[in-house]
Amino acid sequence: MSLIRFPLEEIAGVGIVREREVRRRLDELDWQPYCNQAVLILWLHDRELPLWGYLMASARLSQVAAVVSFGEACSPTVLIQRQRVNME
C-alpha cells in the first residue's frame, strides 16, 4: 500500500485562511478515497496554514484512514495508525 497525498492546499484555499471556510471544505470533501488507506498530509511550504488547519485535517482523517502521516513523502512521520498496513 502506498501513501495517498491529502489535498491540504485545496482545503486551505488562497489568501487569508479562515476557520469557517476550512471547516466547510472539510465537510464537503469526499472521504471515500481515504477509507482504510495510508494517507500523507504534506507540509505546505508555499502557504501559511495555522496549526489548527493541520489538526482538523488529521482529526477527520483519523476517523477513516488506516494510517495518517505528516511531513515529506521521503520521510513521513506517522501520527495515527488504526491498523497495520504493508507499505510495499
Protein backbone atom coordinates (compact mmCIF):
# COMPACT_ATOMS: atom_id res chain seq x y z
CA MET A 1 0.00 0.00 0.00
CA SER A 2 1.41 3.39 -0.95
CA LEU A 3 0.77 6.73 0.68
CA ILE A 4 -2.12 8.76 -0.71
CA ARG A 5 -1.49 12.50 -0.58
CA PHE A 6 -4.18 14.53 1.17
CA PRO A 7 -5.04 17.75 -0.80
CA LEU A 8 -4.46 20.17 2.07
CA GLU A 9 -3.72 23.06 -0.30
CA GLU A 10 -7.29 22.80 -1.61
CA ILE A 11 -8.65 22.84 1.92
CA ALA A 12 -6.53 25.88 2.85
CA GLY A 13 -7.63 27.86 -0.21
CA VAL A 14 -5.88 31.10 -1.14
CA GLY A 15 -5.39 34.29 0.82
CA ILE A 16 -6.29 34.55 4.48
CA VAL A 17 -7.22 31.19 5.97
CA ARG A 18 -10.50 31.33 7.86
CA GLU A 19 -11.59 28.55 10.19
CA ARG A 20 -15.17 28.64 8.95
CA GLU A 21 -14.05 28.09 5.35
CA VAL A 22 -11.68 25.26 6.28
CA ARG A 23 -14.45 23.52 8.23
CA ARG A 24 -16.85 23.93 5.30
CA ARG A 25 -14.33 22.49 2.83
CA LEU A 26 -13.63 19.54 5.13
CA ASP A 27 -17.37 18.90 5.46
CA GLU A 28 -17.80 18.93 1.68
CA LEU A 29 -14.81 16.67 0.96
CA ASP A 30 -15.41 13.14 -0.33
CA TRP A 31 -13.69 10.95 2.28
CA GLN A 32 -14.26 7.65 0.43
CA PRO A 33 -10.82 7.61 -1.33
CA TYR A 34 -9.11 7.71 2.08
CA CYS A 35 -11.04 4.86 3.73
CA ASN A 36 -8.64 2.24 5.11
CA GLN A 37 -5.70 3.81 3.24
CA ALA A 38 -2.34 5.20 4.30
CA VAL A 39 -2.66 8.98 3.91
CA LEU A 40 0.08 11.63 3.90
CA ILE A 41 -0.56 15.23 4.97
CA LEU A 42 2.20 17.26 3.32
CA TRP A 43 3.64 20.35 4.95
CA LEU A 44 2.64 23.39 2.87
CA HIS A 45 5.90 25.25 2.23
CA ASP A 46 4.44 27.92 -0.02
CA ARG A 47 1.39 28.80 2.06
CA GLU A 48 0.56 29.92 5.57
CA LEU A 49 -1.75 27.49 7.31
CA PRO A 50 -2.37 27.76 11.05
CA LEU A 51 -1.67 24.70 13.16
CA TRP A 52 -5.40 24.18 13.73
CA GLY A 53 -5.79 23.52 9.98
CA TYR A 54 -3.43 20.54 10.15
CA LEU A 55 -5.10 19.34 13.35
CA MET A 56 -8.61 19.50 11.87
CA ALA A 57 -7.49 17.57 8.78
CA SER A 58 -5.72 14.87 10.80
CA ALA A 59 -8.69 14.54 13.17
CA ARG A 60 -11.06 13.95 10.26
CA LEU A 61 -8.66 11.54 8.56
CA SER A 62 -8.20 9.57 11.78
CA GLN A 63 -11.85 8.52 11.53
CA VAL A 64 -11.46 6.89 8.10
CA ALA A 65 -7.80 6.26 7.20
CA ALA A 66 -5.78 3.25 8.31
CA VAL A 67 -2.64 5.38 8.76
CA VAL A 68 -2.24 9.16 8.88
CA SER A 69 1.27 10.52 8.32
CA PHE A 70 2.65 14.04 8.22
CA GLY A 71 5.69 15.67 6.65
CA GLU A 72 7.51 14.95 3.43
CA ALA A 73 6.99 11.96 1.15
CA CYS A 74 10.62 10.88 1.60
CA SER A 75 10.37 10.69 5.41
CA PRO A 76 6.80 10.79 6.73
CA THR A 77 6.05 10.76 10.45
CA VAL A 78 3.16 8.51 11.48
CA LEU A 79 0.60 10.41 13.55
CA ILE A 80 -2.19 7.84 13.77
CA GLN A 81 -2.18 4.14 12.97
CA ARG A 82 -5.50 2.35 13.33
CA GLN A 83 -4.34 -0.86 11.68
CA ARG A 84 -1.15 -2.42 10.40
CA VAL A 85 -0.54 -1.97 6.69
CA ASN A 86 2.10 -3.27 4.32
CA MET A 87 3.74 -0.22 2.72
CA GLU A 88 5.25 -2.07 -0.28
